[in-house]
Amino acid sequence: MPKLTQAVLLAALCASPAFAADTQTNRPKAYNDILACRALADAAARLTCFDTASKALEDATDNRQIVMLDQDDVRKTKKSLFGFSLPKIPFFGESEDEQEAEFKQVEGQLAGVQSIGAGKYQFTVKDAGIWQTMEATPVLLKDGKPFVIKRGALGSFMLVMNGRGIRVKRVN
């Protein structure tokens, strides 16, 4: 796993207050050092500690040893990963139930629709990758048509248009 990916995962895990309370020992050292400064009673020592610790955190983020994400970045990342089979881990500092609840579907308008033969299509979903139909469909897919892709049974996905469901898979 690339170091940047590890850093993003670690930063995301630290982003949730509920998860962070249970995993304080799993936080990056640079972050824990800042928290430790609050315990110093002497104001001058506390300021020196904060200055040193915040500089170390800044250096770690500049060197991409730690990557910080706000909640909007986390939501965008979750949406961009919709359709991929990922392991069930507290990826974004949430329980599995919380992860499952937020992205059960993606909706929008079809873009980049192209026939790939045998009645199947490939299309692009804004911020959620490239998808293909898994079966021939009598429904004509065209750019601009509204859709919803829902999670199905056993890790499958359904493209729903005009009340009709078509099995799809994410390819990129």
N, C-alpha and C. Protein backbone atom coordinates (compact mmCIF):
# COMPACT_ATOMS: atom_id res chain seq x y z
N MET A 1 0.85 -1.17 0.00
CA MET A 1 0.00 0.00 0.00
C MET A 1 0.89 1.24 0.00
N PRO A 2 0.67 2.18 -0.93
CA PRO A 2 1.50 3.38 -1.00
C PRO A 2 1.39 4.20 0.29
N LYS A 3 2.48 4.92 0.59
CA LYS A 3 2.52 5.72 1.81
C LYS A 3 1.43 6.78 1.83
N LEU A 4 1.13 7.37 0.68
CA LEU A 4 0.09 8.39 0.63
C LEU A 4 -1.26 7.79 0.99
N THR A 5 -1.55 6.59 0.50
CA THR A 5 -2.81 5.93 0.83
C THR A 5 -2.88 5.64 2.32
N GLN A 6 -1.78 5.18 2.88
CA GLN A 6 -1.76 4.91 4.32
C GLN A 6 -2.01 6.20 5.10
N ALA A 7 -1.41 7.28 4.65
CA ALA A 7 -1.57 8.56 5.35
C ALA A 7 -3.02 9.03 5.27
N VAL A 8 -3.65 8.89 4.10
CA VAL A 8 -5.05 9.30 3.94
C VAL A 8 -5.93 8.46 4.85
N LEU A 9 -5.69 7.16 4.88
CA LEU A 9 -6.47 6.29 5.76
C LEU A 9 -6.31 6.70 7.21
N LEU A 10 -5.09 6.95 7.63
CA LEU A 10 -4.83 7.33 9.00
C LEU A 10 -5.48 8.67 9.34
N ALA A 11 -5.35 9.63 8.45
CA ALA A 11 -5.97 10.93 8.69
C ALA A 11 -7.48 10.81 8.75
N ALA A 12 -8.05 9.99 7.86
CA ALA A 12 -9.49 9.81 7.87
C ALA A 12 -9.96 9.15 9.15
N LEU A 13 -9.20 8.22 9.65
CA LEU A 13 -9.57 7.56 10.89
C LEU A 13 -9.57 8.54 12.05
N CYS A 14 -8.67 9.49 12.00
CA CYS A 14 -8.58 10.48 13.08
C CYS A 14 -9.64 11.57 12.96
N ALA A 15 -10.30 11.65 11.82
CA ALA A 15 -11.25 12.73 11.57
C ALA A 15 -12.54 12.59 12.37
N SER A 16 -12.92 11.41 12.74
CA SER A 16 -14.19 11.21 13.44
C SER A 16 -13.99 11.25 14.95
N PRO A 17 -14.66 12.15 15.65
CA PRO A 17 -14.51 12.23 17.09
C PRO A 17 -14.92 10.93 17.80
N ALA A 18 -15.99 10.28 17.34
CA ALA A 18 -16.45 9.05 17.99
C ALA A 18 -15.40 7.96 17.87
N PHE A 19 -14.81 7.84 16.69
CA PHE A 19 -13.80 6.80 16.49
C PHE A 19 -12.51 7.19 17.20
N ALA A 20 -12.17 8.47 17.16
CA ALA A 20 -10.91 8.92 17.75
C ALA A 20 -10.86 8.68 19.25
N ALA A 21 -12.00 8.77 19.91
CA ALA A 21 -12.02 8.57 21.35
C ALA A 21 -11.57 7.15 21.71
N ASP A 22 -11.88 6.19 20.85
CA ASP A 22 -11.51 4.81 21.10
C ASP A 22 -10.12 4.47 20.61
N THR A 23 -9.52 5.31 19.79
CA THR A 23 -8.26 4.94 19.15
C THR A 23 -7.19 5.99 19.31
N GLN A 24 -7.16 6.65 20.43
CA GLN A 24 -6.19 7.74 20.62
C GLN A 24 -4.76 7.26 20.38
N THR A 25 -4.46 6.02 20.72
CA THR A 25 -3.11 5.51 20.51
C THR A 25 -2.80 5.31 19.04
N ASN A 26 -3.81 5.26 18.18
CA ASN A 26 -3.59 5.07 16.74
C ASN A 26 -3.43 6.39 15.99
N ARG A 27 -3.53 7.49 16.68
CA ARG A 27 -3.36 8.79 16.04
C ARG A 27 -1.89 9.01 15.73
N PRO A 28 -1.61 9.86 14.73
CA PRO A 28 -0.21 10.17 14.42
C PRO A 28 0.47 10.85 15.61
N LYS A 29 1.76 10.59 15.76
CA LYS A 29 2.54 11.17 16.85
C LYS A 29 2.46 12.70 16.83
N ALA A 30 2.54 13.30 15.65
CA ALA A 30 2.50 14.76 15.55
C ALA A 30 1.20 15.32 16.13
N TYR A 31 0.11 14.62 15.94
CA TYR A 31 -1.17 15.06 16.49
C TYR A 31 -1.20 14.89 18.01
N ASN A 32 -0.75 13.73 18.48
CA ASN A 32 -0.72 13.48 19.93
C ASN A 32 0.19 14.47 20.65
N ASP A 33 1.27 14.87 19.99
CA ASP A 33 2.17 15.85 20.60
C ASP A 33 1.47 17.19 20.83
N ILE A 34 0.62 17.60 19.91
CA ILE A 34 -0.14 18.84 20.09
C ILE A 34 -1.09 18.70 21.27
N LEU A 35 -1.78 17.57 21.35
CA LEU A 35 -2.70 17.35 22.46
C LEU A 35 -1.98 17.36 23.80
N ALA A 36 -0.79 16.81 23.82
CA ALA A 36 -0.02 16.73 25.06
C ALA A 36 0.35 18.13 25.57
N CYS A 37 0.49 19.08 24.69
CA CYS A 37 0.87 20.45 25.09
C CYS A 37 -0.18 21.08 26.01
N ARG A 38 -1.44 20.70 25.85
CA ARG A 38 -2.50 21.30 26.67
C ARG A 38 -2.34 20.99 28.15
N ALA A 39 -1.64 19.91 28.46
CA ALA A 39 -1.47 19.49 29.85
C ALA A 39 -0.44 20.33 30.60
N LEU A 40 0.35 21.12 29.88
CA LEU A 40 1.39 21.92 30.55
C LEU A 40 0.76 23.13 31.24
N ALA A 41 1.08 23.30 32.52
CA ALA A 41 0.50 24.39 33.31
C ALA A 41 1.16 25.73 33.00
N ASP A 42 2.48 25.75 32.81
CA ASP A 42 3.22 26.99 32.56
C ASP A 42 2.90 27.49 31.16
N ALA A 43 2.44 28.74 31.07
CA ALA A 43 2.01 29.31 29.79
C ALA A 43 3.15 29.36 28.77
N ALA A 44 4.33 29.77 29.21
CA ALA A 44 5.47 29.87 28.29
C ALA A 44 5.87 28.48 27.77
N ALA A 45 5.88 27.50 28.65
CA ALA A 45 6.23 26.14 28.24
C ALA A 45 5.17 25.58 27.29
N ARG A 46 3.88 25.88 27.59
CA ARG A 46 2.78 25.42 26.74
C ARG A 46 2.89 26.03 25.34
N LEU A 47 3.20 27.33 25.27
CA LEU A 47 3.34 28.00 23.98
C LEU A 47 4.51 27.42 23.18
N THR A 48 5.62 27.21 23.84
CA THR A 48 6.78 26.60 23.18
C THR A 48 6.44 25.21 22.67
N CYS A 49 5.73 24.46 23.51
CA CYS A 49 5.31 23.11 23.12
C CYS A 49 4.39 23.17 21.89
N PHE A 50 3.39 24.04 21.92
CA PHE A 50 2.47 24.18 20.78
C PHE A 50 3.21 24.59 19.51
N ASP A 51 4.13 25.55 19.63
CA ASP A 51 4.90 25.99 18.47
C ASP A 51 5.70 24.84 17.86
N THR A 52 6.37 24.08 18.71
CA THR A 52 7.19 22.95 18.25
C THR A 52 6.31 21.86 17.63
N ALA A 53 5.23 21.52 18.33
CA ALA A 53 4.36 20.44 17.86
C ALA A 53 3.62 20.83 16.59
N SER A 54 3.16 22.07 16.49
CA SER A 54 2.45 22.49 15.28
C SER A 54 3.39 22.56 14.08
N LYS A 55 4.65 22.94 14.30
CA LYS A 55 5.64 22.94 13.23
C LYS A 55 5.90 21.51 12.75
N ALA A 56 5.96 20.56 13.69
CA ALA A 56 6.16 19.15 13.31
C ALA A 56 4.97 18.64 12.50
N LEU A 57 3.75 19.04 12.89
CA LEU A 57 2.56 18.63 12.14
C LEU A 57 2.56 19.27 10.75
N GLU A 58 2.92 20.52 10.67
CA GLU A 58 3.01 21.21 9.37
C GLU A 58 4.02 20.51 8.46
N ASP A 59 5.19 20.18 9.01
CA ASP A 59 6.22 19.48 8.23
C ASP A 59 5.71 18.12 7.76
N ALA A 60 5.02 17.41 8.63
CA ALA A 60 4.49 16.09 8.26
C ALA A 60 3.45 16.19 7.15
N THR A 61 2.61 17.22 7.17
CA THR A 61 1.63 17.39 6.10
C THR A 61 2.31 17.85 4.81
N ASP A 62 3.31 18.72 4.93
CA ASP A 62 4.05 19.17 3.74
C ASP A 62 4.77 18.00 3.06
N ASN A 63 5.27 17.06 3.86
CA ASN A 63 5.98 15.89 3.33
C ASN A 63 5.05 14.73 3.01
N ARG A 64 3.73 14.97 3.16
CA ARG A 64 2.70 13.96 2.89
C ARG A 64 2.83 12.71 3.75
N GLN A 65 3.39 12.88 4.95
CA GLN A 65 3.41 11.79 5.92
C GLN A 65 2.07 11.71 6.62
N ILE A 66 1.39 12.85 6.70
CA ILE A 66 0.03 12.95 7.25
C ILE A 66 -0.78 13.74 6.25
N VAL A 67 -1.98 13.26 5.96
CA VAL A 67 -2.89 13.97 5.07
C VAL A 67 -4.17 14.23 5.84
N MET A 68 -4.62 15.47 5.84
CA MET A 68 -5.83 15.82 6.56
C MET A 68 -6.97 16.03 5.58
N LEU A 69 -8.14 15.54 5.97
CA LEU A 69 -9.34 15.67 5.15
C LEU A 69 -10.45 16.27 5.98
N ASP A 70 -11.23 17.16 5.37
CA ASP A 70 -12.42 17.61 6.07
C ASP A 70 -13.59 16.72 5.65
N GLN A 71 -14.74 16.90 6.26
CA GLN A 71 -15.88 16.02 6.02
C GLN A 71 -16.32 16.05 4.56
N ASP A 72 -16.25 17.21 3.88
CA ASP A 72 -16.61 17.28 2.47
C ASP A 72 -15.68 16.42 1.63
N ASP A 73 -14.38 16.44 1.93
CA ASP A 73 -13.43 15.59 1.21
C ASP A 73 -13.75 14.11 1.42
N VAL A 74 -14.14 13.76 2.64
CA VAL A 74 -14.48 12.37 2.94
C VAL A 74 -15.69 11.95 2.13
N ARG A 75 -16.72 12.80 2.07
CA ARG A 75 -17.93 12.48 1.29
C ARG A 75 -17.60 12.32 -0.20
N LYS A 76 -16.77 13.23 -0.73
CA LYS A 76 -16.39 13.13 -2.15
C LYS A 76 -15.63 11.83 -2.41
N THR A 77 -14.75 11.47 -1.50
CA THR A 77 -13.98 10.23 -1.65
C THR A 77 -14.90 9.03 -1.59
N LYS A 78 -15.84 9.03 -0.67
CA LYS A 78 -16.80 7.92 -0.57
C LYS A 78 -17.58 7.78 -1.87
N LYS A 79 -18.04 8.91 -2.40
CA LYS A 79 -18.81 8.85 -3.65
C LYS A 79 -17.95 8.33 -4.78
N SER A 80 -16.69 8.76 -4.82
CA SER A 80 -15.81 8.31 -5.91
C SER A 80 -15.51 6.82 -5.81
N LEU A 81 -15.65 6.24 -4.62
CA LEU A 81 -15.40 4.81 -4.44
C LEU A 81 -16.66 3.96 -4.59
N PHE A 82 -17.82 4.60 -4.77
CA PHE A 82 -19.07 3.85 -4.91
C PHE A 82 -18.96 2.90 -6.10
N GLY A 83 -19.31 1.66 -5.87
CA GLY A 83 -19.27 0.66 -6.93
C GLY A 83 -18.08 -0.26 -6.86
N PHE A 84 -17.08 0.09 -6.07
CA PHE A 84 -15.93 -0.80 -5.88
C PHE A 84 -16.18 -1.69 -4.68
N SER A 85 -15.67 -2.88 -4.74
CA SER A 85 -15.74 -3.79 -3.59
C SER A 85 -14.55 -3.51 -2.70
N LEU A 86 -14.82 -2.95 -1.55
CA LEU A 86 -13.78 -2.62 -0.59
C LEU A 86 -13.97 -3.45 0.67
N PRO A 87 -12.91 -3.73 1.39
CA PRO A 87 -13.06 -4.49 2.63
C PRO A 87 -13.85 -3.68 3.66
N LYS A 88 -14.51 -4.38 4.55
CA LYS A 88 -15.28 -3.74 5.62
C LYS A 88 -14.34 -3.36 6.75
N ILE A 89 -13.80 -2.14 6.67
CA ILE A 89 -12.93 -1.61 7.71
C ILE A 89 -13.44 -0.22 8.07
N PRO A 90 -13.12 0.28 9.23
CA PRO A 90 -13.55 1.63 9.59
C PRO A 90 -12.76 2.67 8.80
N PHE A 91 -12.91 2.64 7.49
CA PHE A 91 -12.12 3.41 6.55
C PHE A 91 -12.16 4.90 6.82
N PHE A 92 -13.33 5.41 7.13
CA PHE A 92 -13.46 6.84 7.35
C PHE A 92 -13.85 7.16 8.78
N GLY A 93 -13.43 6.32 9.71
CA GLY A 93 -13.70 6.59 11.11
C GLY A 93 -15.14 6.38 11.51
N GLU A 94 -15.84 5.50 10.81
CA GLU A 94 -17.24 5.23 11.11
C GLU A 94 -17.43 3.73 11.27
N SER A 95 -18.53 3.38 11.88
CA SER A 95 -18.87 1.97 11.97
C SER A 95 -19.33 1.49 10.59
N GLU A 96 -19.40 0.17 10.41
CA GLU A 96 -19.85 -0.37 9.13
C GLU A 96 -21.26 0.10 8.80
N ASP A 97 -22.14 0.17 9.82
CA ASP A 97 -23.52 0.60 9.58
C ASP A 97 -23.56 2.04 9.07
N GLU A 98 -22.74 2.91 9.65
CA GLU A 98 -22.70 4.30 9.20
C GLU A 98 -22.17 4.40 7.78
N GLN A 99 -21.15 3.59 7.44
CA GLN A 99 -20.62 3.60 6.09
C GLN A 99 -21.68 3.16 5.09
N GLU A 100 -22.38 2.10 5.40
CA GLU A 100 -23.39 1.55 4.50
C GLU A 100 -24.55 2.52 4.31
N ALA A 101 -24.93 3.23 5.36
CA ALA A 101 -26.10 4.09 5.31
C ALA A 101 -25.94 5.27 4.37
N GLU A 102 -24.75 5.82 4.26
CA GLU A 102 -24.59 7.06 3.51
C GLU A 102 -24.66 6.88 2.00
N PHE A 103 -24.02 5.86 1.47
CA PHE A 103 -23.99 5.72 0.02
C PHE A 103 -24.58 4.40 -0.42
N LYS A 104 -25.91 4.36 -0.46
CA LYS A 104 -26.61 3.19 -0.96
C LYS A 104 -26.95 3.37 -2.43
N GLN A 105 -26.81 4.60 -2.91
CA GLN A 105 -27.11 4.86 -4.31
C GLN A 105 -26.41 6.13 -4.78
N VAL A 106 -26.30 6.24 -6.09
CA VAL A 106 -25.77 7.43 -6.74
C VAL A 106 -26.76 7.80 -7.82
N GLU A 107 -27.03 9.08 -7.98
CA GLU A 107 -27.95 9.49 -9.03
C GLU A 107 -27.39 10.67 -9.80
N GLY A 108 -27.92 10.85 -10.99
CA GLY A 108 -27.46 11.95 -11.83
C GLY A 108 -27.99 11.81 -13.24
N GLN A 109 -27.19 12.26 -14.19
CA GLN A 109 -27.54 12.15 -15.60
C GLN A 109 -26.43 11.40 -16.32
N LEU A 110 -26.82 10.53 -17.25
CA LEU A 110 -25.85 9.75 -17.99
C LEU A 110 -24.94 10.66 -18.80
N ALA A 111 -23.70 10.27 -18.92
CA ALA A 111 -22.73 11.03 -19.72
C ALA A 111 -21.81 10.03 -20.41
N GLY A 112 -21.30 10.40 -21.56
CA GLY A 112 -20.34 9.58 -22.27
C GLY A 112 -20.86 8.20 -22.63
N VAL A 113 -22.15 8.10 -22.92
CA VAL A 113 -22.75 6.80 -23.23
C VAL A 113 -22.24 6.30 -24.57
N GLN A 114 -21.80 5.03 -24.58
CA GLN A 114 -21.39 4.41 -25.84
C GLN A 114 -21.78 2.94 -25.84
N SER A 115 -22.19 2.47 -26.99
CA SER A 115 -22.54 1.06 -27.15
C SER A 115 -21.25 0.25 -27.18
N ILE A 116 -21.25 -0.88 -26.46
CA ILE A 116 -20.08 -1.76 -26.49
C ILE A 116 -20.44 -3.10 -27.13
N GLY A 117 -21.56 -3.13 -27.84
CA GLY A 117 -21.96 -4.32 -28.58
C GLY A 117 -22.89 -5.22 -27.78
N ALA A 118 -23.59 -6.08 -28.49
CA ALA A 118 -24.51 -7.06 -27.91
C ALA A 118 -25.56 -6.42 -27.01
N GLY A 119 -25.97 -5.20 -27.32
CA GLY A 119 -27.00 -4.52 -26.54
C GLY A 119 -26.52 -3.98 -25.20
N LYS A 120 -25.21 -3.94 -24.98
CA LYS A 120 -24.64 -3.44 -23.73
C LYS A 120 -24.08 -2.04 -23.94
N TYR A 121 -23.98 -1.31 -22.83
CA TYR A 121 -23.50 0.06 -22.89
C TYR A 121 -22.43 0.32 -21.82
N GLN A 122 -21.64 1.35 -22.09
CA GLN A 122 -20.70 1.89 -21.11
C GLN A 122 -21.04 3.36 -20.95
N PHE A 123 -20.95 3.87 -19.72
CA PHE A 123 -21.29 5.27 -19.46
C PHE A 123 -20.51 5.78 -18.27
N THR A 124 -20.48 7.09 -18.14
CA THR A 124 -19.75 7.75 -17.07
C THR A 124 -20.74 8.33 -16.07
N VAL A 125 -20.40 8.20 -14.78
CA VAL A 125 -21.18 8.80 -13.70
C VAL A 125 -20.29 9.87 -13.08
N LYS A 126 -20.75 11.11 -13.08
CA LYS A 126 -19.96 12.21 -12.54
C LYS A 126 -19.53 11.88 -11.10
N ASP A 127 -18.25 11.98 -10.83
CA ASP A 127 -17.64 11.73 -9.53
C ASP A 127 -17.77 10.29 -9.05
N ALA A 128 -18.20 9.37 -9.91
CA ALA A 128 -18.33 7.97 -9.48
C ALA A 128 -17.91 6.98 -10.56
N GLY A 129 -17.08 7.41 -11.50
CA GLY A 129 -16.42 6.48 -12.40
C GLY A 129 -17.16 6.06 -13.66
N ILE A 130 -16.63 5.00 -14.27
CA ILE A 130 -17.16 4.46 -15.52
C ILE A 130 -17.84 3.13 -15.21
N TRP A 131 -19.01 2.94 -15.79
CA TRP A 131 -19.85 1.78 -15.54
C TRP A 131 -20.22 1.10 -16.86
N GLN A 132 -20.56 -0.18 -16.77
CA GLN A 132 -21.04 -0.93 -17.93
C GLN A 132 -22.27 -1.72 -17.54
N THR A 133 -23.20 -1.84 -18.49
CA THR A 133 -24.33 -2.73 -18.26
C THR A 133 -23.81 -4.16 -18.38
N MET A 134 -24.38 -5.07 -17.62
CA MET A 134 -23.91 -6.45 -17.61
C MET A 134 -24.80 -7.36 -18.46
N GLU A 135 -25.84 -6.80 -19.01
CA GLU A 135 -26.77 -7.57 -19.82
C GLU A 135 -27.31 -6.68 -20.93
N ALA A 136 -27.74 -7.32 -21.99
CA ALA A 136 -28.35 -6.56 -23.09
C ALA A 136 -29.62 -5.91 -22.56
N THR A 137 -29.86 -4.72 -23.02
CA THR A 137 -31.04 -4.00 -22.55
C THR A 137 -31.81 -3.39 -23.71
N PRO A 138 -33.13 -3.52 -23.67
CA PRO A 138 -33.95 -2.88 -24.71
C PRO A 138 -34.07 -1.37 -24.48
N VAL A 139 -33.70 -0.91 -23.28
CA VAL A 139 -33.77 0.52 -22.96
C VAL A 139 -32.60 1.22 -23.63
N LEU A 140 -32.90 2.26 -24.38
CA LEU A 140 -31.85 3.02 -25.06
C LEU A 140 -31.24 4.00 -24.07
N LEU A 141 -29.96 3.86 -23.84
CA LEU A 141 -29.26 4.78 -22.95
C LEU A 141 -28.70 5.92 -23.77
N LYS A 142 -28.98 7.15 -23.33
CA LYS A 142 -28.50 8.34 -24.03
C LYS A 142 -27.96 9.34 -23.03
N ASP A 143 -27.00 10.14 -23.47
CA ASP A 143 -26.46 11.21 -22.63
C ASP A 143 -27.60 12.10 -22.13
N GLY A 144 -27.49 12.51 -20.87
CA GLY A 144 -28.46 13.43 -20.29
C GLY A 144 -29.66 12.77 -19.64
N LYS A 145 -29.87 11.47 -19.85
CA LYS A 145 -31.01 10.80 -19.22
C LYS A 145 -30.75 10.64 -17.72
N PRO A 146 -31.77 10.93 -16.89
CA PRO A 146 -31.60 10.78 -15.44
C PRO A 146 -31.56 9.29 -15.05
N PHE A 147 -30.82 8.99 -13.98
CA PHE A 147 -30.69 7.61 -13.54
C PHE A 147 -30.44 7.57 -12.04
N VAL A 148 -30.54 6.36 -11.50
CA VAL A 148 -30.13 6.05 -10.13
C VAL A 148 -29.42 4.72 -10.21
N ILE A 149 -28.25 4.61 -9.57
CA ILE A 149 -27.59 3.31 -9.43
C ILE A 149 -27.71 2.95 -7.96
N LYS A 150 -28.34 1.80 -7.69
CA LYS A 150 -28.56 1.34 -6.32
C LYS A 150 -27.75 0.09 -6.06
N ARG A 151 -27.37 -0.07 -4.79
CA ARG A 151 -26.73 -1.31 -4.37
C ARG A 151 -27.77 -2.41 -4.44
N GLY A 152 -27.36 -3.56 -4.97
CA GLY A 152 -28.25 -4.71 -5.03
C GLY A 152 -27.78 -5.78 -4.07
N ALA A 153 -28.28 -6.98 -4.27
CA ALA A 153 -27.92 -8.10 -3.42
C ALA A 153 -26.52 -8.61 -3.76
N LEU A 154 -25.84 -9.11 -2.76
CA LEU A 154 -24.53 -9.76 -2.94
C LEU A 154 -23.51 -8.89 -3.66
N GLY A 155 -23.51 -7.61 -3.38
CA GLY A 155 -22.51 -6.72 -3.95
C GLY A 155 -22.79 -6.28 -5.37
N SER A 156 -23.98 -6.54 -5.88
CA SER A 156 -24.32 -6.14 -7.24
C SER A 156 -24.87 -4.70 -7.24
N PHE A 157 -25.05 -4.15 -8.43
CA PHE A 157 -25.57 -2.80 -8.58
C PHE A 157 -26.61 -2.78 -9.70
N MET A 158 -27.64 -1.96 -9.51
CA MET A 158 -28.72 -1.84 -10.49
C MET A 158 -28.82 -0.39 -10.95
N LEU A 159 -28.82 -0.22 -12.27
CA LEU A 159 -29.09 1.08 -12.88
C LEU A 159 -30.60 1.14 -13.05
N VAL A 160 -31.24 2.14 -12.46
CA VAL A 160 -32.69 2.26 -12.56
C VAL A 160 -33.01 3.51 -13.37
N MET A 161 -33.76 3.27 -14.45
CA MET A 161 -34.20 4.35 -15.33
C MET A 161 -35.65 4.06 -15.72
N ASN A 162 -36.51 5.05 -15.58
CA ASN A 162 -37.92 4.91 -15.94
C ASN A 162 -38.55 3.67 -15.30
N GLY A 163 -38.18 3.37 -14.07
CA GLY A 163 -38.76 2.25 -13.36
C GLY A 163 -38.21 0.88 -13.75
N ARG A 164 -37.26 0.84 -14.65
CA ARG A 164 -36.67 -0.44 -15.08
C ARG A 164 -35.27 -0.56 -14.50
N GLY A 165 -34.93 -1.76 -14.06
CA GLY A 165 -33.62 -2.01 -13.50
C GLY A 165 -32.74 -2.79 -14.46
N ILE A 166 -31.47 -2.38 -14.54
CA ILE A 166 -30.49 -3.04 -15.41
C ILE A 166 -29.26 -3.30 -14.55
N ARG A 167 -28.78 -4.53 -14.53
CA ARG A 167 -27.57 -4.85 -13.75
C ARG A 167 -26.36 -4.15 -14.39
N VAL A 168 -25.55 -3.50 -13.54
CA VAL A 168 -24.36 -2.79 -14.00
C VAL A 168 -23.19 -3.12 -13.10
N LYS A 169 -21.99 -2.83 -13.60
CA LYS A 169 -20.78 -2.98 -12.80
C LYS A 169 -19.89 -1.77 -13.05
N ARG A 170 -19.11 -1.44 -12.05
CA ARG A 170 -18.15 -0.35 -12.20
C ARG A 170 -16.88 -0.91 -12.81
N VAL A 171 -16.36 -0.25 -13.83
CA VAL A 171 -15.15 -0.73 -14.50
C VAL A 171 -13.97 0.19 -14.30
N ASN A 172 -14.18 1.40 -13.82
CA ASN A 172 -13.07 2.33 -13.58
C ASN A 172 -13.53 3.42 -12.67
